Protein backbone atom coordinates (compact mmCIF):
# COMPACT_ATOMS: atom_id res chain seq x y z
CA MET A 1 0.00 -0.01 0.01
CA ARG A 2 1.62 3.21 -1.10
CA PRO A 3 1.45 6.28 1.18
CA GLY A 4 -1.56 8.39 0.33
CA GLY A 5 -3.16 5.48 -1.57
CA PRO A 6 -6.81 4.46 -1.45
CA ARG A 7 -6.44 2.39 1.73
CA SER A 8 -4.67 5.24 3.46
CA PHE A 9 -7.48 7.64 2.51
CA VAL A 10 -10.11 5.20 3.79
CA ALA A 11 -8.25 4.70 7.06
CA ARG A 12 -7.86 8.45 7.63
CA ARG A 13 -11.48 9.04 6.77
CA LEU A 14 -12.66 6.32 9.17
CA LEU A 15 -10.57 7.75 11.98
CA LEU A 16 -11.97 11.23 11.27
CA GLY A 17 -15.50 9.80 11.27
CA ALA A 18 -14.90 8.21 14.69
CA ALA A 19 -13.56 11.52 16.02
CA GLN A 20 -16.59 13.36 14.58
CA THR A 21 -18.96 10.86 16.24
CA ALA A 22 -17.30 11.45 19.62
CA ALA A 23 -17.53 15.22 19.04
CA VAL A 24 -21.25 14.85 18.27
CA VAL A 25 -21.84 13.01 21.58
CA LEU A 26 -19.94 15.65 23.57
CA LEU A 27 -21.64 18.54 21.80
CA VAL A 28 -25.13 17.14 22.21
CA PHE A 29 -24.54 16.57 25.92
CA ALA A 30 -23.09 20.07 26.41
CA LEU A 31 -25.93 21.77 24.51
CA THR A 32 -28.68 19.90 26.36
CA GLU A 33 -27.00 20.75 29.64
CA ALA A 34 -27.25 24.40 28.64
CA LEU A 35 -30.99 24.22 28.00
CA PRO A 36 -32.88 26.70 30.23
CA GLY A 37 -35.08 25.41 33.05
CA ASP A 38 -35.00 22.38 35.30
CA ALA A 39 -36.53 19.05 34.36
CA ALA A 40 -37.13 18.23 38.06
CA VAL A 41 -39.12 21.48 38.53
CA ALA A 42 -41.15 20.75 35.40
CA LEU A 43 -41.99 17.25 36.62
CA ALA A 44 -42.87 18.45 40.14
CA GLY A 45 -45.99 20.29 39.00
CA ASP A 46 -47.34 23.83 39.13
CA GLN A 47 -46.58 24.42 42.82
CA PRO A 48 -43.53 22.32 43.49
CA ASP A 49 -42.38 21.44 46.97
CA PRO A 50 -38.57 21.81 47.36
CA ALA A 51 -38.36 18.43 48.98
CA ARG A 52 -40.24 16.81 46.07
CA ILE A 53 -37.93 18.60 43.59
CA ALA A 54 -34.91 17.27 45.47
CA ALA A 55 -36.35 13.75 45.49
CA ILE A 56 -36.98 13.89 41.76
CA ARG A 57 -33.49 15.16 41.07
CA GLU A 58 -32.07 12.31 43.14
CA ALA A 59 -34.26 9.70 41.49
CA LEU A 60 -33.27 10.87 38.01
CA HIS A 61 -29.59 11.26 39.01
CA LEU A 62 -29.77 14.96 38.12
CA ASP A 63 -27.94 15.75 41.37
CA ARG A 64 -24.83 13.98 40.19
CA PRO A 65 -21.90 15.85 38.54
CA ALA A 66 -22.13 16.37 34.80
CA HIS A 67 -19.03 14.30 34.03
CA GLU A 68 -20.52 11.29 35.79
CA ARG A 69 -23.82 11.59 33.90
CA LEU A 70 -21.87 12.01 30.64
CA ALA A 71 -19.91 8.81 31.37
CA ASP A 72 -23.10 6.84 32.18
CA TRP A 73 -24.88 8.17 29.12
CA THR A 74 -21.94 7.39 26.80
CA TRP A 75 -21.69 3.88 28.24
CA GLY A 76 -25.37 3.42 27.53
CA LEU A 77 -24.96 4.66 23.96
CA LEU A 78 -22.20 2.13 23.36
CA HIS A 79 -24.66 -0.60 24.40
CA GLY A 80 -27.57 0.72 22.34
CA ASP A 81 -29.36 2.41 25.22
CA LEU A 82 -30.47 5.94 24.29
CA GLY A 83 -31.94 6.59 27.72
CA THR A 84 -35.37 6.85 29.27
CA SER A 85 -37.90 9.68 28.97
CA LEU A 86 -38.23 11.83 32.09
CA THR A 87 -41.89 12.59 31.47
CA SER A 88 -43.29 9.21 30.43
CA GLY A 89 -40.72 6.66 31.58
CA ARG A 90 -40.59 5.15 28.07
CA PRO A 91 -37.27 4.21 26.46
CA VAL A 92 -36.09 6.81 23.96
CA THR A 93 -35.93 4.02 21.37
CA GLY A 94 -39.72 3.85 21.63
CA TYR A 95 -40.01 7.49 20.61
CA LEU A 96 -37.56 6.79 17.81
CA ALA A 97 -39.68 3.93 16.57
CA ASP A 98 -42.88 6.06 16.74
CA GLY A 99 -41.55 8.87 14.57
CA PHE A 100 -39.16 6.98 12.33
CA GLY A 101 -41.76 5.81 9.82
CA PRO A 102 -43.18 9.19 8.76
CA THR A 103 -39.73 10.84 8.72
CA LEU A 104 -38.18 8.04 6.69
CA LEU A 105 -41.08 8.17 4.24
CA LEU A 106 -40.70 11.93 3.69
CA ALA A 107 -36.91 11.64 3.30
CA THR A 108 -37.15 8.64 0.93
CA LEU A 109 -39.71 10.30 -1.34
CA THR A 110 -37.64 13.48 -1.38
CA LEU A 111 -34.41 11.65 -2.31
CA ALA A 112 -36.20 9.46 -4.88
CA LEU A 113 -37.29 12.63 -6.69
CA LEU A 114 -34.16 14.66 -5.96
CA ILE A 115 -31.65 12.42 -7.73
CA PRO A 116 -33.32 12.26 -11.18
CA LEU A 117 -34.50 15.88 -11.06
CA GLY A 118 -31.20 17.32 -9.82
CA PHE A 119 -29.00 15.39 -12.23
CA GLY A 120 -31.48 15.71 -15.10
CA LEU A 121 -31.84 19.48 -14.84
CA GLY A 122 -28.07 19.92 -14.37
CA VAL A 123 -27.19 17.82 -17.42
CA LEU A 124 -29.90 19.51 -19.50
CA ALA A 125 -28.62 22.99 -18.60
CA ALA A 126 -25.00 21.99 -19.32
CA ARG A 127 -25.85 20.52 -22.73
CA HIS A 128 -27.60 23.76 -23.68
CA GLU A 129 -25.03 26.11 -22.06
CA GLY A 130 -25.79 29.75 -22.82
CA ARG A 131 -29.02 28.96 -24.61
CA PRO A 132 -32.64 29.66 -23.48
CA ALA A 133 -33.06 26.31 -21.73
CA ASP A 134 -29.91 26.88 -19.69
CA ARG A 135 -30.91 30.46 -18.79
CA LEU A 136 -34.42 29.36 -17.79
CA ILE A 137 -33.19 26.51 -15.56
CA SER A 138 -30.52 28.68 -13.97
CA SER A 139 -32.92 31.55 -13.28
CA VAL A 140 -35.68 29.40 -11.81
CA THR A 141 -33.34 27.39 -9.60
CA LEU A 142 -31.67 30.54 -8.31
CA ALA A 143 -35.02 32.14 -7.51
CA VAL A 144 -36.45 29.07 -5.76
CA TYR A 145 -33.27 28.49 -3.77
CA ALA A 146 -33.58 32.05 -2.31
CA VAL A 147 -36.97 31.22 -0.72
CA PRO A 148 -36.77 29.88 2.88
CA GLU A 149 -38.50 26.60 3.57
CA PHE A 150 -41.10 27.99 5.97
CA ALA A 151 -42.00 30.80 3.53
CA LEU A 152 -42.36 28.35 0.66
CA GLY A 153 -44.47 26.07 2.85
CA VAL A 154 -46.82 28.91 3.81
CA LEU A 155 -47.08 29.95 0.16
CA LEU A 156 -47.94 26.43 -1.02
CA VAL A 157 -50.48 25.94 1.76
CA THR A 158 -52.11 29.27 0.93
CA VAL A 159 -52.39 28.52 -2.79
CA PHE A 160 -53.03 24.78 -3.01
CA ALA A 161 -54.80 24.10 0.30
CA LEU A 162 -56.69 27.25 1.22
CA LYS A 163 -57.46 28.91 -2.12
CA LEU A 164 -57.69 25.98 -4.55
CA ALA A 165 -58.57 23.31 -1.93
CA TRP A 166 -56.65 20.69 -3.94
CA LEU A 167 -54.56 19.34 -1.08
CA PRO A 168 -54.91 19.06 2.76
CA PRO A 169 -52.98 21.77 4.59
CA THR A 170 -51.68 19.49 7.37
CA ALA A 171 -51.50 15.83 8.36
CA VAL A 172 -53.85 16.33 11.34
CA GLY A 173 -56.39 13.53 11.54
CA HIS A 174 -54.52 11.18 9.19
CA GLY A 175 -52.48 9.25 11.76
CA THR A 176 -48.99 7.87 11.13
CA ASP A 177 -49.91 5.74 8.08
CA LEU A 178 -49.28 8.51 5.59
CA LEU A 179 -49.16 6.12 2.62
CA ALA A 180 -52.89 5.60 3.11
CA HIS A 181 -53.38 9.33 2.53
CA PRO A 182 -50.84 10.22 -0.19
CA THR A 183 -52.19 13.71 -0.77
CA VAL A 184 -50.94 14.64 2.71
CA LEU A 185 -47.37 14.06 1.50
CA VAL A 186 -47.42 16.31 -1.55
CA LEU A 187 -46.82 19.70 0.06
CA PRO A 188 -44.22 18.52 2.65
CA VAL A 189 -42.23 16.75 -0.06
CA LEU A 190 -42.36 19.74 -2.34
CA VAL A 191 -41.00 21.99 0.38
CA LEU A 192 -38.21 19.52 1.28
CA LEU A 193 -37.38 18.99 -2.40
CA ALA A 194 -37.28 22.60 -3.63
CA ARG A 195 -33.92 23.89 -2.42
CA PRO A 196 -31.92 20.63 -2.71
CA VAL A 197 -32.97 20.23 -6.36
CA CYS A 198 -31.80 23.76 -7.11
CA SER A 199 -28.39 23.36 -5.43
CA LEU A 200 -27.75 19.91 -6.87
CA SER A 201 -28.72 20.86 -10.41
CA ARG A 202 -26.49 23.96 -10.35
CA LEU A 203 -23.57 21.89 -9.03
CA VAL A 204 -24.04 19.19 -11.69
CA ARG A 205 -24.31 21.88 -14.38
CA ALA A 206 -21.05 23.52 -13.27
CA GLY A 207 -19.22 20.20 -13.16
CA MET A 208 -20.55 19.15 -16.55
CA VAL A 209 -19.60 22.48 -18.15
CA ASP A 210 -16.04 22.18 -16.81
CA ALA A 211 -15.76 18.56 -17.95
CA LEU A 212 -17.10 19.30 -21.43
CA ALA A 213 -14.56 22.11 -21.81
CA SER A 214 -11.65 19.92 -20.78
CA PRO A 215 -8.93 18.66 -23.22
CA TYR A 216 -10.05 15.04 -23.02
CA ALA A 217 -13.60 15.97 -24.01
CA ALA A 218 -12.24 18.02 -26.94
CA HIS A 219 -10.06 15.09 -27.98
CA ALA A 220 -13.02 12.73 -27.78
CA ARG A 221 -15.04 15.04 -30.05
CA ARG A 222 -12.17 15.16 -32.55
CA CYS A 223 -12.10 11.33 -32.56
CA GLY A 224 -15.73 11.29 -33.59
CA ILE A 225 -17.17 9.95 -30.35
CA PRO A 226 -20.90 10.75 -30.22
CA ALA A 227 -21.88 13.73 -28.04
CA ALA A 228 -24.24 11.64 -25.91
CA ARG A 229 -21.45 9.18 -25.08
CA ILE A 230 -19.15 12.04 -24.11
CA HIS A 231 -21.83 13.59 -21.92
CA TRP A 232 -22.90 10.43 -20.07
CA LEU A 233 -19.77 8.27 -19.96
CA HIS A 234 -16.99 10.87 -19.74
CA ALA A 235 -18.28 14.22 -18.43
CA LEU A 236 -20.98 13.05 -15.98
CA PRO A 237 -18.72 10.74 -13.87
CA ASN A 238 -16.35 13.68 -13.28
CA ALA A 239 -19.26 15.92 -12.33
CA ALA A 240 -20.75 13.17 -10.15
CA ALA A 241 -18.02 13.19 -7.47
CA PRO A 242 -18.87 16.59 -5.96
CA ALA A 243 -22.57 15.90 -6.65
CA VAL A 244 -22.43 12.76 -4.45
CA GLN A 245 -21.01 14.85 -1.62
CA GLN A 246 -23.71 17.42 -2.23
CA LEU A 247 -26.25 14.63 -1.87
CA ALA A 248 -24.77 13.80 1.54
CA ARG A 249 -24.99 17.44 2.60
CA THR A 250 -28.57 17.43 1.27
CA VAL A 251 -29.42 14.54 3.55
CA ASP A 252 -27.81 16.51 6.41
CA TRP A 253 -30.13 19.37 5.47
CA LEU A 254 -33.10 16.99 5.31
CA LEU A 255 -32.40 15.92 8.88
CA CYS A 256 -32.72 19.55 9.95
CA GLY A 257 -35.31 20.72 7.39
CA VAL A 258 -37.63 17.88 8.31
CA VAL A 259 -38.04 19.42 11.79
CA VAL A 260 -39.34 22.64 10.22
CA VAL A 261 -41.48 20.87 7.64
CA GLU A 262 -43.01 18.40 10.13
CA ALA A 263 -43.83 21.25 12.49
CA LEU A 264 -45.37 23.28 9.65
CA PHE A 265 -47.50 20.42 8.30
CA VAL A 266 -48.04 18.65 11.67
CA VAL A 267 -46.46 15.42 10.43
CA PRO A 268 -46.01 12.94 13.33
CA GLY A 269 -42.34 12.22 12.66
CA LEU A 270 -39.05 12.51 14.51
CA GLY A 271 -38.96 16.29 14.03
CA THR A 272 -42.27 16.67 15.81
CA VAL A 273 -41.12 14.27 18.59
CA LEU A 274 -37.94 16.33 19.04
CA LEU A 275 -39.78 19.65 19.24
CA ASP A 276 -42.24 18.22 21.81
CA ALA A 277 -39.34 16.93 23.89
CA VAL A 278 -37.62 20.33 23.85
CA ALA A 279 -40.86 22.00 24.93
CA GLU A 280 -41.21 19.55 27.83
CA ARG A 281 -37.51 19.70 28.62
CA ASP A 282 -37.34 15.94 28.34
CA VAL A 283 -33.54 15.89 28.15
CA PRO A 284 -32.98 12.17 27.45
CA VAL A 285 -35.33 12.24 24.47
CA VAL A 286 -33.66 15.38 23.14
CA GLN A 287 -30.22 13.90 23.64
CA GLY A 288 -31.11 10.54 22.10
CA LEU A 289 -32.75 11.95 18.96
CA ALA A 290 -30.03 14.57 18.49
CA VAL A 291 -27.30 11.94 18.70
CA VAL A 292 -29.17 9.78 16.15
CA PHE A 293 -29.41 12.76 13.76
CA GLY A 294 -25.77 13.67 14.32
CA VAL A 295 -24.40 10.13 13.81
CA LEU A 296 -26.50 9.73 10.67
CA ALA A 297 -24.97 12.92 9.31
CA VAL A 298 -21.43 11.69 10.06
CA VAL A 299 -22.09 8.30 8.46
CA LEU A 300 -23.65 9.79 5.33
CA ASN A 301 -20.78 12.23 4.83
CA LEU A 302 -18.27 9.44 5.38
CA GLY A 303 -20.02 7.29 2.76
CA ALA A 304 -20.19 10.21 0.33
CA ASP A 305 -16.47 10.94 0.67
CA LEU A 306 -15.61 7.28 0.05
CA VAL A 307 -17.91 7.08 -3.00
CA ALA A 308 -16.54 10.35 -4.38
CA HIS A 309 -12.97 9.13 -3.90
CA ARG A 310 -13.86 5.93 -5.72
CA LEU A 311 -15.36 7.86 -8.62
CA VAL A 312 -12.41 10.27 -8.91
CA PRO A 313 -9.50 8.86 -6.86
CA ARG A 314 -7.54 12.09 -6.99
CA ALA A 315 -10.35 14.02 -5.35
CA GLU A 316 -9.65 13.56 -1.67
CA VAL A 317 -12.18 16.01 -0.39
CA ALA A 318 -11.73 17.35 3.09
CA ALA A 319 -14.52 16.47 5.47
């Protein structure tokens, strides 16, 4: 194995991923410790007795030093234990199971549409560089990307739910089986899809334009290789490496954007569970879900870097 070869890159990236995971655990614990309020006071009722508050703090081990609680929590994480809810006594994994289905469904539908739309629009714009199709795609994607998710969501609800009455405005009353009510998914998926499609298509376009202007593409054209073959077999793989990493960052964004979208459309997913836990100051639920989100982001970025390095070995992109 030569220094700086593929195995060396994979080893370095795995070590960095492990360090990032440890940093996620420490950061989540530190941030939840900084949350305002006291869980024991919240659990004690409207007119808490100091003795009852002290008893609750002792029962929940909130009276122990932070470093001891961090050690216990980390040990539990290593054994698959995300903790227990302060308010209900349920394992955090139960909350994860409750909200995982709707969140996974939204993310899956978004990604299933994002990949063909993002790559398709990017390739189409690059093939017609400087022409009306390219200018139209570039202008529309730039305009849509500038609209925040919540503003786009409100706009879509106003037009398609309130004025035209084509779609339901929220998922209230439809339960967690959203596949049984597919119209409920249309507006949330559109909001989640809008900005990632714009950023991915613009990145693919830029990569394709650079690749098509490169010496090897010019040589291929001189050799009489068909334009479609140059576009799909030569230019696109070179444009795909940064696009794969953009997809990983898009999934990162989905993990955050889904919280906003689920709150806006009242979708009973992990984002809604997390917001409810923050409102109730249910620290173990907040910590458990935040760690799951953070570790997913680390794993997805790790996978994207490895795939990108496989597509273009010279492109060792910093994490």
